[in-house]
Amino acid sequence: MFEDICGPKKWRAEMYPVYKDPFAGHDYPTSGQGDEESNRLNYAFEMERSACALFGVVTYGIHMTVFVKDLDGDKVKIWVPTRAKTKQT
């Protein structure tokens, strides 16, 4: 129904955690926690990342490039991360 947002070509097969308060800690439930313990967590639920826009959930991603100098201080090495080829963006 919403192919331009989360249709088959947009589906990422990537679950995205949604938190009750986006500015609080990003915790995650562990197995063995009871309902009372889980209710105290900031974690609310997970949903398919491509469907988040349909529900007004803002998604974020981070990218970090690092540079280091060698031991002599003459050369700089740059570490550039790459996204998995199986991921859409």
N, C-alpha and C. Protein backbone atom coordinates (compact mmCIF):
# COMPACT_ATOMS: atom_id res chain seq x y z
N MET A 1 0.81 -1.19 0.00
CA MET A 1 0.00 0.00 0.00
C MET A 1 0.86 1.27 0.00
N PHE A 2 2.00 1.24 0.67
CA PHE A 2 2.90 2.40 0.73
C PHE A 2 4.24 2.02 0.12
N GLU A 3 4.22 1.63 -1.13
CA GLU A 3 5.44 1.12 -1.77
C GLU A 3 6.58 2.11 -1.77
N ASP A 4 6.28 3.41 -1.88
CA ASP A 4 7.35 4.40 -1.93
C ASP A 4 8.06 4.55 -0.58
N ILE A 5 7.41 4.13 0.50
CA ILE A 5 8.00 4.25 1.84
C ILE A 5 8.56 2.91 2.33
N CYS A 6 7.74 1.88 2.29
CA CYS A 6 8.21 0.60 2.84
C CYS A 6 7.82 -0.59 1.97
N GLY A 7 7.76 -0.37 0.67
CA GLY A 7 7.46 -1.47 -0.24
C GLY A 7 8.59 -2.47 -0.32
N PRO A 8 8.43 -3.49 -1.15
CA PRO A 8 9.44 -4.56 -1.24
C PRO A 8 10.86 -4.07 -1.53
N LYS A 9 10.99 -3.02 -2.32
CA LYS A 9 12.33 -2.52 -2.63
C LYS A 9 12.91 -1.66 -1.50
N LYS A 10 12.07 -1.22 -0.59
CA LYS A 10 12.53 -0.39 0.52
C LYS A 10 12.73 -1.18 1.82
N TRP A 11 12.20 -2.40 1.86
CA TRP A 11 12.26 -3.21 3.07
C TRP A 11 13.70 -3.50 3.41
N ARG A 12 14.11 -3.28 4.64
CA ARG A 12 15.50 -3.42 5.03
C ARG A 12 15.80 -4.69 5.81
N ALA A 13 14.77 -5.33 6.34
CA ALA A 13 14.97 -6.48 7.24
C ALA A 13 15.88 -6.05 8.38
N GLU A 14 15.62 -4.86 8.92
CA GLU A 14 16.43 -4.28 9.98
C GLU A 14 15.49 -3.75 11.06
N MET A 15 15.49 -4.40 12.21
CA MET A 15 14.63 -3.97 13.30
C MET A 15 15.24 -2.75 13.99
N TYR A 16 14.38 -1.78 14.28
CA TYR A 16 14.83 -0.52 14.87
C TYR A 16 14.18 -0.35 16.24
N PRO A 17 14.98 -0.16 17.30
CA PRO A 17 14.39 0.00 18.64
C PRO A 17 13.74 1.37 18.78
N VAL A 18 12.58 1.41 19.43
CA VAL A 18 11.87 2.65 19.70
C VAL A 18 11.84 2.83 21.22
N TYR A 19 12.17 4.03 21.67
CA TYR A 19 12.26 4.31 23.09
C TYR A 19 11.16 5.27 23.53
N LYS A 20 10.75 5.16 24.79
CA LYS A 20 9.70 6.03 25.33
C LYS A 20 10.16 7.47 25.37
N ASP A 21 11.40 7.69 25.78
CA ASP A 21 12.00 9.02 25.83
C ASP A 21 13.29 8.98 25.03
N PRO A 22 13.33 9.64 23.87
CA PRO A 22 14.52 9.55 23.02
C PRO A 22 15.76 10.18 23.64
N PHE A 23 15.59 11.00 24.67
CA PHE A 23 16.73 11.67 25.28
C PHE A 23 17.23 10.95 26.53
N ALA A 24 16.55 9.91 26.94
CA ALA A 24 16.97 9.12 28.10
C ALA A 24 17.87 7.98 27.64
N GLY A 25 18.26 7.15 28.58
CA GLY A 25 19.14 6.03 28.27
C GLY A 25 18.53 5.05 27.29
N HIS A 26 19.34 4.46 26.46
CA HIS A 26 18.88 3.49 25.48
C HIS A 26 19.18 2.09 26.01
N ASP A 27 18.27 1.60 26.83
CA ASP A 27 18.41 0.28 27.40
C ASP A 27 17.67 -0.74 26.53
N TYR A 28 17.81 -1.98 26.88
CA TYR A 28 17.21 -3.05 26.07
C TYR A 28 16.87 -4.20 27.01
N PRO A 29 15.70 -4.80 26.86
CA PRO A 29 15.34 -5.89 27.76
C PRO A 29 16.23 -7.12 27.55
N THR A 30 16.45 -7.83 28.63
CA THR A 30 17.21 -9.07 28.56
C THR A 30 16.29 -10.22 28.92
N SER A 31 16.66 -11.39 28.48
CA SER A 31 15.84 -12.56 28.81
C SER A 31 15.87 -12.78 30.32
N GLY A 32 14.78 -13.19 30.85
CA GLY A 32 14.69 -13.44 32.28
C GLY A 32 14.14 -12.28 33.08
N GLN A 33 13.94 -11.12 32.42
CA GLN A 33 13.36 -9.98 33.13
C GLN A 33 11.86 -10.17 33.25
N GLY A 34 11.32 -9.83 34.40
CA GLY A 34 9.88 -9.90 34.59
C GLY A 34 9.19 -8.67 34.00
N ASP A 35 7.86 -8.68 33.98
CA ASP A 35 7.10 -7.57 33.44
C ASP A 35 7.37 -6.27 34.20
N GLU A 36 7.49 -6.37 35.51
CA GLU A 36 7.72 -5.17 36.32
C GLU A 36 9.06 -4.54 35.98
N GLU A 37 10.09 -5.35 35.81
CA GLU A 37 11.42 -4.84 35.44
C GLU A 37 11.39 -4.25 34.04
N SER A 38 10.72 -4.92 33.11
CA SER A 38 10.65 -4.44 31.72
C SER A 38 9.92 -3.11 31.63
N ASN A 39 8.91 -2.90 32.47
CA ASN A 39 8.15 -1.64 32.45
C ASN A 39 8.99 -0.45 32.90
N ARG A 40 10.03 -0.69 33.66
CA ARG A 40 10.90 0.40 34.11
C ARG A 40 11.91 0.82 33.04
N LEU A 41 12.06 0.03 32.01
CA LEU A 41 13.01 0.35 30.94
C LEU A 41 12.50 1.48 30.07
N ASN A 42 13.42 2.19 29.45
CA ASN A 42 13.05 3.23 28.49
C ASN A 42 12.65 2.61 27.15
N TYR A 43 13.11 1.40 26.88
CA TYR A 43 12.80 0.67 25.64
C TYR A 43 11.29 0.42 25.56
N ALA A 44 10.70 0.72 24.40
CA ALA A 44 9.25 0.49 24.21
C ALA A 44 9.00 -0.74 23.34
N PHE A 45 9.56 -0.76 22.13
CA PHE A 45 9.36 -1.88 21.20
C PHE A 45 10.30 -1.73 20.01
N GLU A 46 10.28 -2.70 19.11
CA GLU A 46 11.05 -2.64 17.86
C GLU A 46 10.08 -2.68 16.69
N MET A 47 10.50 -2.07 15.60
CA MET A 47 9.70 -2.16 14.38
C MET A 47 10.64 -2.13 13.17
N GLU A 48 10.16 -2.59 12.04
CA GLU A 48 10.94 -2.58 10.81
C GLU A 48 11.34 -1.14 10.49
N ARG A 49 12.63 -0.93 10.27
CA ARG A 49 13.16 0.43 10.06
C ARG A 49 12.46 1.18 8.92
N SER A 50 12.15 0.50 7.84
CA SER A 50 11.53 1.19 6.71
C SER A 50 10.10 1.62 7.01
N ALA A 51 9.44 1.02 7.98
CA ALA A 51 8.07 1.38 8.33
C ALA A 51 8.01 2.50 9.35
N CYS A 52 9.13 2.89 9.93
CA CYS A 52 9.14 3.91 10.98
C CYS A 52 8.51 5.23 10.52
N ALA A 53 8.78 5.65 9.30
CA ALA A 53 8.24 6.93 8.81
C ALA A 53 6.71 6.92 8.78
N LEU A 54 6.10 5.78 8.53
CA LEU A 54 4.65 5.71 8.50
C LEU A 54 4.03 6.03 9.86
N PHE A 55 4.77 5.80 10.93
CA PHE A 55 4.26 5.99 12.27
C PHE A 55 4.87 7.22 12.96
N GLY A 56 5.61 8.01 12.21
CA GLY A 56 6.20 9.22 12.78
C GLY A 56 7.41 8.98 13.66
N VAL A 57 8.02 7.82 13.53
CA VAL A 57 9.21 7.51 14.32
C VAL A 57 10.44 7.99 13.55
N VAL A 58 11.19 8.89 14.15
CA VAL A 58 12.39 9.42 13.51
C VAL A 58 13.53 8.43 13.72
N THR A 59 14.23 8.08 12.65
CA THR A 59 15.35 7.15 12.76
C THR A 59 16.66 7.91 12.61
N TYR A 60 17.66 7.40 13.29
CA TYR A 60 18.98 8.01 13.23
C TYR A 60 20.00 6.94 12.91
N GLY A 61 21.07 7.37 12.30
CA GLY A 61 22.21 6.50 12.07
C GLY A 61 23.46 7.31 12.35
N ILE A 62 24.53 6.65 12.61
CA ILE A 62 25.77 7.38 12.87
C ILE A 62 26.85 6.87 11.92
N HIS A 63 27.79 7.71 11.67
CA HIS A 63 28.92 7.38 10.80
C HIS A 63 30.15 8.01 11.44
N MET A 64 31.20 7.25 11.55
CA MET A 64 32.40 7.77 12.17
C MET A 64 33.60 7.46 11.29
N THR A 65 34.38 8.49 11.00
CA THR A 65 35.64 8.33 10.29
C THR A 65 36.73 8.72 11.27
N VAL A 66 37.78 7.91 11.34
CA VAL A 66 38.84 8.11 12.32
C VAL A 66 40.17 8.30 11.61
N PHE A 67 40.97 9.20 12.14
CA PHE A 67 42.33 9.30 11.63
C PHE A 67 43.31 9.15 12.79
N VAL A 68 44.42 8.50 12.50
CA VAL A 68 45.47 8.30 13.50
C VAL A 68 46.82 8.59 12.86
N LYS A 69 47.72 9.10 13.67
CA LYS A 69 49.09 9.31 13.19
C LYS A 69 49.91 8.07 13.51
N ASP A 70 50.87 7.76 12.64
CA ASP A 70 51.74 6.63 12.94
C ASP A 70 52.68 7.01 14.08
N LEU A 71 53.46 6.07 14.56
CA LEU A 71 54.32 6.31 15.72
C LEU A 71 55.35 7.41 15.49
N ASP A 72 55.80 7.58 14.26
CA ASP A 72 56.77 8.63 13.95
C ASP A 72 56.09 10.00 13.83
N GLY A 73 54.79 10.00 13.61
CA GLY A 73 54.07 11.27 13.45
C GLY A 73 54.18 11.83 12.04
N ASP A 74 54.74 11.03 11.11
CA ASP A 74 54.91 11.52 9.74
C ASP A 74 53.70 11.26 8.86
N LYS A 75 53.00 10.17 9.11
CA LYS A 75 51.90 9.78 8.24
C LYS A 75 50.59 9.73 9.02
N VAL A 76 49.51 9.95 8.30
CA VAL A 76 48.18 9.87 8.88
C VAL A 76 47.43 8.73 8.19
N LYS A 77 46.81 7.89 8.96
CA LYS A 77 45.99 6.82 8.41
C LYS A 77 44.53 7.15 8.68
N ILE A 78 43.69 6.91 7.69
CA ILE A 78 42.26 7.19 7.83
C ILE A 78 41.49 5.88 7.75
N TRP A 79 40.65 5.65 8.74
CA TRP A 79 39.78 4.48 8.77
C TRP A 79 38.42 4.91 8.30
N VAL A 80 37.96 4.35 7.19
CA VAL A 80 36.66 4.71 6.63
C VAL A 80 35.75 3.47 6.70
N PRO A 81 34.70 3.53 7.51
CA PRO A 81 33.81 2.37 7.61
C PRO A 81 32.93 2.25 6.37
N THR A 82 32.52 1.04 6.09
CA THR A 82 31.61 0.81 4.96
C THR A 82 30.37 0.07 5.47
N ARG A 83 29.26 0.36 4.85
CA ARG A 83 28.00 -0.28 5.21
C ARG A 83 27.98 -1.66 4.55
N ALA A 84 27.35 -2.60 5.19
CA ALA A 84 27.23 -3.94 4.63
C ALA A 84 26.55 -3.89 3.26
N LYS A 85 27.02 -4.67 2.34
CA LYS A 85 26.43 -4.66 0.98
C LYS A 85 24.99 -5.14 0.97
N THR A 86 24.59 -5.82 2.02
CA THR A 86 23.21 -6.32 2.08
C THR A 86 22.22 -5.26 2.56
N LYS A 87 22.73 -4.12 3.03
CA LYS A 87 21.86 -3.04 3.54
C LYS A 87 21.62 -2.02 2.43
N GLN A 88 20.42 -1.44 2.43
CA GLN A 88 20.03 -0.54 1.36
C GLN A 88 20.75 0.81 1.42
N THR A 89 20.88 1.37 2.60
CA THR A 89 21.56 2.67 2.71
C THR A 89 22.65 2.59 3.76
